[in-house]
Amino acid sequence: MNTHTILNIKTDKKLKAEAKKVSEELGVPLSTVINAFLKQFVRNKEITLSANPLRPTPYLEQILEEAQAEYAAGKARTFKTGDDMLKHLKTL
């Protein structure tokens, strides 16, 4: 018995093309991505809008690069305890 059905949706052409490109880059069909989203939606009864929550934003990447450069240049401060760090942060 076939339990599959066809789901027709309306979406922006550009969005569909971009989604298809990303799914192909990940090596999965777009229908698999949509089915995974629907299963998660039903299971959790919530909408998750992030495909990769562990990927930093461009802004965070920039801040991390700056911090790494400061550390490499010897400009980073170190603290012996968390309290010492908090005291320093309160002075900023």
PDB file of N, CA and C in Angstrom:
ATOM      1  N   MET A   1       0.842  -1.188   0.000  1.00  0.00           N
ATOM      2  CA  MET A   1       0.000   0.000   0.000  1.00  0.00           C
ATOM      3  C   MET A   1       0.884   1.247   0.000  1.00  0.00           C
ATOM      4  N   ASN A   2       0.675   2.131  -0.940  1.00  0.00           N
ATOM      5  CA  ASN A   2       1.434   3.370  -1.042  1.00  0.00           C
ATOM      6  C   ASN A   2       0.818   4.417  -0.128  1.00  0.00           C
ATOM      7  N   THR A   3       1.605   4.921   0.800  1.00  0.00           N
ATOM      8  CA  THR A   3       1.093   5.922   1.741  1.00  0.00           C
ATOM      9  C   THR A   3       1.578   7.322   1.408  1.00  0.00           C
ATOM     10  N   HIS A   4       2.221   7.486   0.260  1.00  0.00           N
ATOM     11  CA  HIS A   4       2.718   8.802  -0.127  1.00  0.00           C
ATOM     12  C   HIS A   4       1.618   9.620  -0.795  1.00  0.00           C
ATOM     13  N   THR A   5       1.759  10.922  -0.705  1.00  0.00           N
ATOM     14  CA  THR A   5       0.829  11.834  -1.352  1.00  0.00           C
ATOM     15  C   THR A   5       1.627  12.981  -1.948  1.00  0.00           C
ATOM     16  N   ILE A   6       1.012  13.723  -2.801  1.00  0.00           N
ATOM     17  CA  ILE A   6       1.659  14.882  -3.413  1.00  0.00           C
ATOM     18  C   ILE A   6       1.170  16.132  -2.707  1.00  0.00           C
ATOM     19  N   LEU A   7       2.110  16.996  -2.377  1.00  0.00           N
ATOM     20  CA  LEU A   7       1.805  18.262  -1.718  1.00  0.00           C
ATOM     21  C   LEU A   7       2.178  19.383  -2.675  1.00  0.00           C
ATOM     22  N   ASN A   8       1.210  20.170  -3.089  1.00  0.00           N
ATOM     23  CA  ASN A   8       1.465  21.318  -3.957  1.00  0.00           C
ATOM     24  C   ASN A   8       1.471  22.578  -3.110  1.00  0.00           C
ATOM     25  N   ILE A   9       2.541  23.352  -3.228  1.00  0.00           N
ATOM     26  CA  ILE A   9       2.623  24.618  -2.499  1.00  0.00           C
ATOM     27  C   ILE A   9       3.020  25.723  -3.463  1.00  0.00           C
ATOM     28  N   LYS A  10       2.707  26.940  -3.102  1.00  0.00           N
ATOM     29  CA  LYS A  10       3.138  28.099  -3.871  1.00  0.00           C
ATOM     30  C   LYS A  10       4.285  28.752  -3.115  1.00  0.00           C
ATOM     31  N   THR A  11       5.360  29.012  -3.837  1.00  0.00           N
ATOM     32  CA  THR A  11       6.508  29.686  -3.245  1.00  0.00           C
ATOM     33  C   THR A  11       7.202  30.509  -4.317  1.00  0.00           C
ATOM     34  N   ASP A  12       8.026  31.398  -3.899  1.00  0.00           N
ATOM     35  CA  ASP A  12       8.775  32.265  -4.798  1.00  0.00           C
ATOM     36  C   ASP A  12       9.749  31.432  -5.639  1.00  0.00           C
ATOM     37  N   LYS A  13       9.848  31.723  -6.939  1.00  0.00           N
ATOM     38  CA  LYS A  13      10.731  30.964  -7.827  1.00  0.00           C
ATOM     39  C   LYS A  13      12.181  31.027  -7.367  1.00  0.00           C
ATOM     40  N   LYS A  14      12.603  32.213  -6.960  1.00  0.00           N
ATOM     41  CA  LYS A  14      13.992  32.383  -6.522  1.00  0.00           C
ATOM     42  C   LYS A  14      14.253  31.565  -5.254  1.00  0.00           C
ATOM     43  N   LEU A  15      13.310  31.583  -4.329  1.00  0.00           N
ATOM     44  CA  LEU A  15      13.461  30.816  -3.096  1.00  0.00           C
ATOM     45  C   LEU A  15      13.566  29.326  -3.398  1.00  0.00           C
ATOM     46  N   LYS A  16      12.720  28.838  -4.304  1.00  0.00           N
ATOM     47  CA  LYS A  16      12.766  27.420  -4.671  1.00  0.00           C
ATOM     48  C   LYS A  16      14.117  27.070  -5.280  1.00  0.00           C
ATOM     49  N   ALA A  17      14.597  27.921  -6.174  1.00  0.00           N
ATOM     50  CA  ALA A  17      15.884  27.655  -6.823  1.00  0.00           C
ATOM     51  C   ALA A  17      17.019  27.645  -5.804  1.00  0.00           C
ATOM     52  N   GLU A  18      16.998  28.600  -4.873  1.00  0.00           N
ATOM     53  CA  GLU A  18      18.040  28.656  -3.844  1.00  0.00           C
ATOM     54  C   GLU A  18      17.967  27.442  -2.922  1.00  0.00           C
ATOM     55  N   ALA A  19      16.755  27.049  -2.548  1.00  0.00           N
ATOM     56  CA  ALA A  19      16.584  25.882  -1.680  1.00  0.00           C
ATOM     57  C   ALA A  19      17.058  24.616  -2.390  1.00  0.00           C
ATOM     58  N   LYS A  20      16.741  24.500  -3.662  1.00  0.00           N
ATOM     59  CA  LYS A  20      17.170  23.330  -4.427  1.00  0.00           C
ATOM     60  C   LYS A  20      18.691  23.287  -4.518  1.00  0.00           C
ATOM     61  N   LYS A  21      19.297  24.437  -4.731  1.00  0.00           N
ATOM     62  CA  LYS A  21      20.760  24.500  -4.823  1.00  0.00           C
ATOM     63  C   LYS A  21      21.402  24.058  -3.508  1.00  0.00           C
ATOM     64  N   VAL A  22      20.894  24.559  -2.392  1.00  0.00           N
ATOM     65  CA  VAL A  22      21.446  24.190  -1.084  1.00  0.00           C
ATOM     66  C   VAL A  22      21.251  22.706  -0.827  1.00  0.00           C
ATOM     67  N   SER A  23      20.066  22.196  -1.134  1.00  0.00           N
ATOM     68  CA  SER A  23      19.819  20.767  -0.894  1.00  0.00           C
ATOM     69  C   SER A  23      20.746  19.908  -1.753  1.00  0.00           C
ATOM     70  N   GLU A  24      20.998  20.336  -2.982  1.00  0.00           N
ATOM     71  CA  GLU A  24      21.926  19.597  -3.839  1.00  0.00           C
ATOM     72  C   GLU A  24      23.343  19.655  -3.284  1.00  0.00           C
ATOM     73  N   GLU A  25      23.736  20.815  -2.744  1.00  0.00           N
ATOM     74  CA  GLU A  25      25.060  20.936  -2.125  1.00  0.00           C
ATOM     75  C   GLU A  25      25.194  19.990  -0.934  1.00  0.00           C
ATOM     76  N   LEU A  26      24.093  19.777  -0.228  1.00  0.00           N
ATOM     77  CA  LEU A  26      24.094  18.868   0.917  1.00  0.00           C
ATOM     78  C   LEU A  26      23.922  17.412   0.491  1.00  0.00           C
ATOM     79  N   GLY A  27      23.601  17.211  -0.778  1.00  0.00           N
ATOM     80  CA  GLY A  27      23.467  15.859  -1.307  1.00  0.00           C
ATOM     81  C   GLY A  27      22.143  15.182  -1.018  1.00  0.00           C
ATOM     82  N   VAL A  28      21.099  15.974  -0.796  1.00  0.00           N
ATOM     83  CA  VAL A  28      19.776  15.400  -0.540  1.00  0.00           C
ATOM     84  C   VAL A  28      18.749  16.077  -1.446  1.00  0.00           C
ATOM     85  N   PRO A  29      17.728  15.338  -1.851  1.00  0.00           N
ATOM     86  CA  PRO A  29      16.674  15.959  -2.653  1.00  0.00           C
ATOM     87  C   PRO A  29      15.897  16.994  -1.825  1.00  0.00           C
ATOM     88  N   LEU A  30      15.375  17.987  -2.504  1.00  0.00           N
ATOM     89  CA  LEU A  30      14.590  19.016  -1.823  1.00  0.00           C
ATOM     90  C   LEU A  30      13.374  18.404  -1.134  1.00  0.00           C
ATOM     91  N   SER A  31      12.784  17.377  -1.720  1.00  0.00           N
ATOM     92  CA  SER A  31      11.624  16.739  -1.085  1.00  0.00           C
ATOM     93  C   SER A  31      12.003  16.123   0.265  1.00  0.00           C
ATOM     94  N   THR A  32      13.222  15.625   0.396  1.00  0.00           N
ATOM     95  CA  THR A  32      13.682  15.076   1.675  1.00  0.00           C
ATOM     96  C   THR A  32      13.786  16.175   2.722  1.00  0.00           C
ATOM     97  N   VAL A  33      14.282  17.333   2.305  1.00  0.00           N
ATOM     98  CA  VAL A  33      14.387  18.474   3.225  1.00  0.00           C
ATOM     99  C   VAL A  33      12.996  18.889   3.697  1.00  0.00           C
ATOM    100  N   ILE A  34      12.061  18.994   2.776  1.00  0.00           N
ATOM    101  CA  ILE A  34      10.699  19.410   3.127  1.00  0.00           C
ATOM    102  C   ILE A  34      10.034  18.365   4.017  1.00  0.00           C
ATOM    103  N   ASN A  35      10.203  17.080   3.703  1.00  0.00           N
ATOM    104  CA  ASN A  35       9.635  16.023   4.549  1.00  0.00           C
ATOM    105  C   ASN A  35      10.233  16.052   5.953  1.00  0.00           C
ATOM    106  N   ALA A  36      11.543  16.273   6.055  1.00  0.00           N
ATOM    107  CA  ALA A  36      12.181  16.354   7.374  1.00  0.00           C
ATOM    108  C   ALA A  36      11.614  17.528   8.163  1.00  0.00           C
ATOM    109  N   PHE A  37      11.415  18.658   7.479  1.00  0.00           N
ATOM    110  CA  PHE A  37      10.830  19.822   8.144  1.00  0.00           C
ATOM    111  C   PHE A  37       9.420  19.508   8.639  1.00  0.00           C
ATOM    112  N   LEU A  38       8.605  18.881   7.793  1.00  0.00           N
ATOM    113  CA  LEU A  38       7.230  18.557   8.183  1.00  0.00           C
ATOM    114  C   LEU A  38       7.192  17.586   9.363  1.00  0.00           C
ATOM    115  N   LYS A  39       8.068  16.582   9.358  1.00  0.00           N
ATOM    116  CA  LYS A  39       8.117  15.624  10.473  1.00  0.00           C
ATOM    117  C   LYS A  39       8.508  16.323  11.773  1.00  0.00           C
ATOM    118  N   GLN A  40       9.505  17.197  11.689  1.00  0.00           N
ATOM    119  CA  GLN A  40       9.937  17.939  12.880  1.00  0.00           C
ATOM    120  C   GLN A  40       8.819  18.861  13.365  1.00  0.00           C
ATOM    121  N   PHE A  41       8.132  19.494  12.440  1.00  0.00           N
ATOM    122  CA  PHE A  41       7.025  20.387  12.766  1.00  0.00           C
ATOM    123  C   PHE A  41       5.920  19.640  13.514  1.00  0.00           C
ATOM    124  N   VAL A  42       5.563  18.463  13.025  1.00  0.00           N
ATOM    125  CA  VAL A  42       4.514  17.662  13.668  1.00  0.00           C
ATOM    126  C   VAL A  42       4.983  17.153  15.027  1.00  0.00           C
ATOM    127  N   ARG A  43       6.205  16.653  15.083  1.00  0.00           N
ATOM    128  CA  ARG A  43       6.729  16.069  16.321  1.00  0.00           C
ATOM    129  C   ARG A  43       6.864  17.117  17.430  1.00  0.00           C
ATOM    130  N   ASN A  44       7.427  18.275  17.099  1.00  0.00           N
ATOM    131  CA  ASN A  44       7.715  19.300  18.114  1.00  0.00           C
ATOM    132  C   ASN A  44       6.620  20.343  18.269  1.00  0.00           C
ATOM    133  N   LYS A  45       5.730  20.402  17.292  1.00  0.00           N
ATOM    134  CA  LYS A  45       4.681  21.428  17.282  1.00  0.00           C
ATOM    135  C   LYS A  45       5.277  22.837  17.411  1.00  0.00           C
ATOM    136  N   GLU A  46       6.380  23.043  16.719  1.00  0.00           N
ATOM    137  CA  GLU A  46       7.026  24.353  16.673  1.00  0.00           C
ATOM    138  C   GLU A  46       7.763  24.479  15.350  1.00  0.00           C
ATOM    139  N   ILE A  47       8.074  25.709  14.990  1.00  0.00           N
ATOM    140  CA  ILE A  47       8.767  25.976  13.737  1.00  0.00           C
ATOM    141  C   ILE A  47      10.206  26.356  14.052  1.00  0.00           C
ATOM    142  N   THR A  48      11.143  25.615  13.471  1.00  0.00           N
ATOM    143  CA  THR A  48      12.558  25.926  13.614  1.00  0.00           C
ATOM    144  C   THR A  48      13.012  26.541  12.299  1.00  0.00           C
ATOM    145  N   LEU A  49      13.527  27.743  12.345  1.00  0.00           N
ATOM    146  CA  LEU A  49      13.875  28.444  11.116  1.00  0.00           C
ATOM    147  C   LEU A  49      15.361  28.428  10.799  1.00  0.00           C
ATOM    148  N   SER A  50      16.151  27.744  11.585  1.00  0.00           N
ATOM    149  CA  SER A  50      17.580  27.702  11.350  1.00  0.00           C
ATOM    150  C   SER A  50      17.986  26.329  10.844  1.00  0.00           C
ATOM    151  N   ALA A  51      18.642  26.300   9.696  1.00  0.00           N
ATOM    152  CA  ALA A  51      19.101  25.030   9.156  1.00  0.00           C
ATOM    153  C   ALA A  51      20.363  24.548   9.856  1.00  0.00           C
ATOM    154  N   ASN A  52      21.136  25.465  10.386  1.00  0.00           N
ATOM    155  CA  ASN A  52      22.371  25.097  11.065  1.00  0.00           C
ATOM    156  C   ASN A  52      22.613  26.048  12.222  1.00  0.00           C
ATOM    157  N   PRO A  53      22.053  25.750  13.380  1.00  0.00           N
ATOM    158  CA  PRO A  53      22.189  26.664  14.507  1.00  0.00           C
ATOM    159  C   PRO A  53      23.615  26.815  15.013  1.00  0.00           C
ATOM    160  N   LEU A  54      24.509  25.924  14.614  1.00  0.00           N
ATOM    161  CA  LEU A  54      25.880  26.014  15.086  1.00  0.00           C
ATOM    162  C   LEU A  54      26.761  26.862  14.181  1.00  0.00           C
ATOM    163  N   ARG A  55      26.240  27.306  13.061  1.00  0.00           N
ATOM    164  CA  ARG A  55      27.025  28.135  12.152  1.00  0.00           C
ATOM    165  C   ARG A  55      26.972  29.585  12.634  1.00  0.00           C
ATOM    166  N   PRO A  56      28.141  30.203  12.864  1.00  0.00           N
ATOM    167  CA  PRO A  56      28.128  31.591  13.330  1.00  0.00           C
ATOM    168  C   PRO A  56      27.662  32.543  12.230  1.00  0.00           C
ATOM    169  N   THR A  57      27.080  33.638  12.653  1.00  0.00           N
ATOM    170  CA  THR A  57      26.673  34.670  11.705  1.00  0.00           C
ATOM    171  C   THR A  57      27.922  35.357  11.167  1.00  0.00           C
ATOM    172  N   PRO A  58      27.812  36.059  10.037  1.00  0.00           N
ATOM    173  CA  PRO A  58      28.974  36.792   9.529  1.00  0.00           C
ATOM    174  C   PRO A  58      29.530  37.778  10.565  1.00  0.00           C
ATOM    175  N   TYR A  59      28.649  38.409  11.327  1.00  0.00           N
ATOM    176  CA  TYR A  59      29.103  39.344  12.361  1.00  0.00           C
ATOM    177  C   TYR A  59      29.923  38.614  13.420  1.00  0.00           C
ATOM    178  N   LEU A  60      29.434  37.465  13.875  1.00  0.00           N
ATOM    179  CA  LEU A  60      30.162  36.708  14.888  1.00  0.00           C
ATOM    180  C   LEU A  60      31.492  36.214  14.342  1.00  0.00           C
ATOM    181  N   GLU A  61      31.516  35.790  13.072  1.00  0.00           N
ATOM    182  CA  GLU A  61      32.775  35.366  12.461  1.00  0.00           C
ATOM    183  C   GLU A  61      33.788  36.504  12.475  1.00  0.00           C
ATOM    184  N   GLN A  62      33.329  37.725  12.185  1.00  0.00           N
ATOM    185  CA  GLN A  62      34.215  38.890  12.193  1.00  0.00           C
ATOM    186  C   GLN A  62      34.763  39.137  13.597  1.00  0.00           C
ATOM    187  N   ILE A  63      33.901  39.075  14.600  1.00  0.00           N
ATOM    188  CA  ILE A  63      34.324  39.292  15.986  1.00  0.00           C
ATOM    189  C   ILE A  63      35.328  38.222  16.411  1.00  0.00           C
ATOM    190  N   LEU A  64      35.078  36.975  16.028  1.00  0.00           N
ATOM    191  CA  LEU A  64      35.998  35.891  16.373  1.00  0.00           C
ATOM    192  C   LEU A  64      37.361  36.086  15.718  1.00  0.00           C
ATOM    193  N   GLU A  65      37.368  36.528  14.457  1.00  0.00           N
ATOM    194  CA  GLU A  65      38.632  36.797  13.772  1.00  0.00           C
ATOM    195  C   GLU A  65      39.398  37.913  14.471  1.00  0.00           C
ATOM    196  N   GLU A  66      38.690  38.964  14.880  1.00  0.00           N
ATOM    197  CA  GLU A  66      39.338  40.060  15.600  1.00  0.00           C
ATOM    198  C   GLU A  66      39.911  39.575  16.927  1.00  0.00           C
ATOM    199  N   ALA A  67      39.161  38.748  17.631  1.00  0.00           N
ATOM    200  CA  ALA A  67      39.631  38.224  18.916  1.00  0.00           C
ATOM    201  C   ALA A  67      40.862  37.347  18.721  1.00  0.00           C
ATOM    202  N   GLN A  68      40.859  36.520  17.679  1.00  0.00           N
ATOM    203  CA  GLN A  68      42.013  35.669  17.410  1.00  0.00           C
ATOM    204  C   GLN A  68      43.239  36.505  17.062  1.00  0.00           C
ATOM    205  N   ALA A  69      43.042  37.582  16.303  1.00  0.00           N
ATOM    206  CA  ALA A  69      44.158  38.462  15.949  1.00  0.00           C
ATOM    207  C   ALA A  69      44.711  39.154  17.193  1.00  0.00           C
ATOM    208  N   GLU A  70      43.830  39.614  18.077  1.00  0.00           N
ATOM    209  CA  GLU A  70      44.279  40.238  19.323  1.00  0.00           C
ATOM    210  C   GLU A  70      45.048  39.240  20.181  1.00  0.00           C
ATOM    211  N   TYR A  71      44.560  38.012  20.240  1.00  0.00           N
ATOM    212  CA  TYR A  71      45.231  36.979  21.035  1.00  0.00           C
ATOM    213  C   TYR A  71      46.620  36.695  20.460  1.00  0.00           C
ATOM    214  N   ALA A  72      46.705  36.565  19.130  1.00  0.00           N
ATOM    215  CA  ALA A  72      47.980  36.290  18.470  1.00  0.00           C
ATOM    216  C   ALA A  72      48.971  37.430  18.674  1.00  0.00           C
ATOM    217  N   ALA A  73      48.456  38.665  18.784  1.00  0.00           N
ATOM    218  CA  ALA A  73      49.314  39.839  18.986  1.00  0.00           C
ATOM    219  C   ALA A  73      49.661  40.046  20.458  1.00  0.00           C
ATOM    220  N   GLY A  74      49.172  39.172  21.323  1.00  0.00           N
ATOM    221  CA  GLY A  74      49.464  39.295  22.754  1.00  0.00           C
ATOM    222  C   GLY A  74      48.640  40.351  23.462  1.00  0.00           C
ATOM    223  N   LYS A  75      47.545  40.766  22.860  1.00  0.00           N
ATOM    224  CA  LYS A  75      46.707  41.812  23.454  1.00  0.00           C
ATOM    225  C   LYS A  75      45.575  41.253  24.310  1.00  0.00           C
ATOM    226  N   ALA A  76      45.421  39.940  24.327  1.00  0.00           N
ATOM    227  CA  ALA A  76      44.317  39.338  25.079  1.00  0.00           C
ATOM    228  C   ALA A  76      44.648  39.298  26.565  1.00  0.00           C
ATOM    229  N   ARG A  77      43.665  39.601  27.388  1.00  0.00           N
ATOM    230  CA  ARG A  77      43.847  39.537  28.840  1.00  0.00           C
ATOM    231  C   ARG A  77      43.493  38.151  29.323  1.00  0.00           C
ATOM    232  N   THR A  78      44.184  37.723  30.350  1.00  0.00           N
ATOM    233  CA  THR A  78      43.855  36.448  30.979  1.00  0.00           C
ATOM    234  C   THR A  78      43.477  36.710  32.426  1.00  0.00           C
ATOM    235  N   PHE A  79      42.694  35.811  32.982  1.00  0.00           N
ATOM    236  CA  PHE A  79      42.212  35.960  34.350  1.00  0.00           C
ATOM    237  C   PHE A  79      42.404  34.643  35.090  1.00  0.00           C
ATOM    238  N   LYS A  80      42.694  34.752  36.391  1.00  0.00           N
ATOM    239  CA  LYS A  80      42.886  33.545  37.203  1.00  0.00           C
ATOM    240  C   LYS A  80      41.550  32.946  37.623  1.00  0.00           C
ATOM    241  N   THR A  81      40.540  33.790  37.792  1.00  0.00           N
ATOM    242  CA  THR A  81      39.229  33.299  38.216  1.00  0.00           C
ATOM    243  C   THR A  81      38.136  33.976  37.404  1.00  0.00           C
ATOM    244  N   GLY A  82      36.976  33.377  37.443  1.00  0.00           N
ATOM    245  CA  GLY A  82      35.823  33.983  36.783  1.00  0.00           C
ATOM    246  C   GLY A  82      35.448  35.307  37.422  1.00  0.00           C
ATOM    247  N   ASP A  83      35.612  35.398  38.746  1.00  0.00           N
ATOM    248  CA  ASP A  83      35.311  36.653  39.444  1.00  0.00           C
ATOM    249  C   ASP A  83      36.224  37.769  38.971  1.00  0.00           C
ATOM    250  N   ASP A  84      37.513  37.456  38.760  1.00  0.00           N
ATOM    251  CA  ASP A  84      38.444  38.468  38.247  1.00  0.00           C
ATOM    252  C   ASP A  84      37.986  38.974  36.883  1.00  0.00           C
ATOM    253  N   MET A  85      37.529  38.065  36.050  1.00  0.00           N
ATOM    254  CA  MET A  85      37.043  38.455  34.731  1.00  0.00           C
ATOM    255  C   MET A  85      35.811  39.352  34.851  1.00  0.00           C
ATOM    256  N   LEU A  86      34.877  38.977  35.718  1.00  0.00           N
ATOM    257  CA  LEU A  86      33.663  39.779  35.892  1.00  0.00           C
ATOM    258  C   LEU A  86      33.986  41.166  36.419  1.00  0.00           C
ATOM    259  N   LYS A  87      34.925  41.267  37.345  1.00  0.00           N
ATOM    260  CA  LYS A  87      35.341  42.578  37.859  1.00  0.00           C
ATOM    261  C   LYS A  87      35.889  43.439  36.732  1.00  0.00           C
ATOM    262  N   HIS A  88      36.711  42.833  35.884  1.00  0.00           N
ATOM    263  CA  HIS A  88      37.268  43.582  34.750  1.00  0.00           C
ATOM    264  C   HIS A  88      36.158  44.035  33.799  1.00  0.00           C
ATOM    265  N   LEU A  89      35.229  43.153  33.499  1.00  0.00           N
ATOM    266  CA  LEU A  89      34.149  43.503  32.574  1.00  0.00           C
ATOM    267  C   LEU A  89      33.302  44.653  33.107  1.00  0.00           C
ATOM    268  N   LYS A  90      33.123  44.718  34.405  1.00  0.00           N
ATOM    269  CA  LYS A  90      32.328  45.797  35.000  1.00  0.00           C
ATOM    270  C   LYS A  90      33.020  47.145  34.893  1.00  0.00           C
ATOM    271  N   THR A  91      34.336  47.145  34.679  1.00  0.00           N
ATOM    272  CA  THR A  91      35.065  48.412  34.542  1.00  0.00           C
ATOM    273  C   THR A  91      35.011  48.954  33.120  1.00  0.00           C
ATOM    274  N   LEU A  92      34.558  48.160  32.196  1.00  0.00           N
ATOM    275  CA  LEU A  92      34.538  48.597  30.786  1.00  0.00           C
ATOM    276  C   LEU A  92      33.369  49.492  30.490  1.00  0.00           C
TER     277      LEU A  92
END
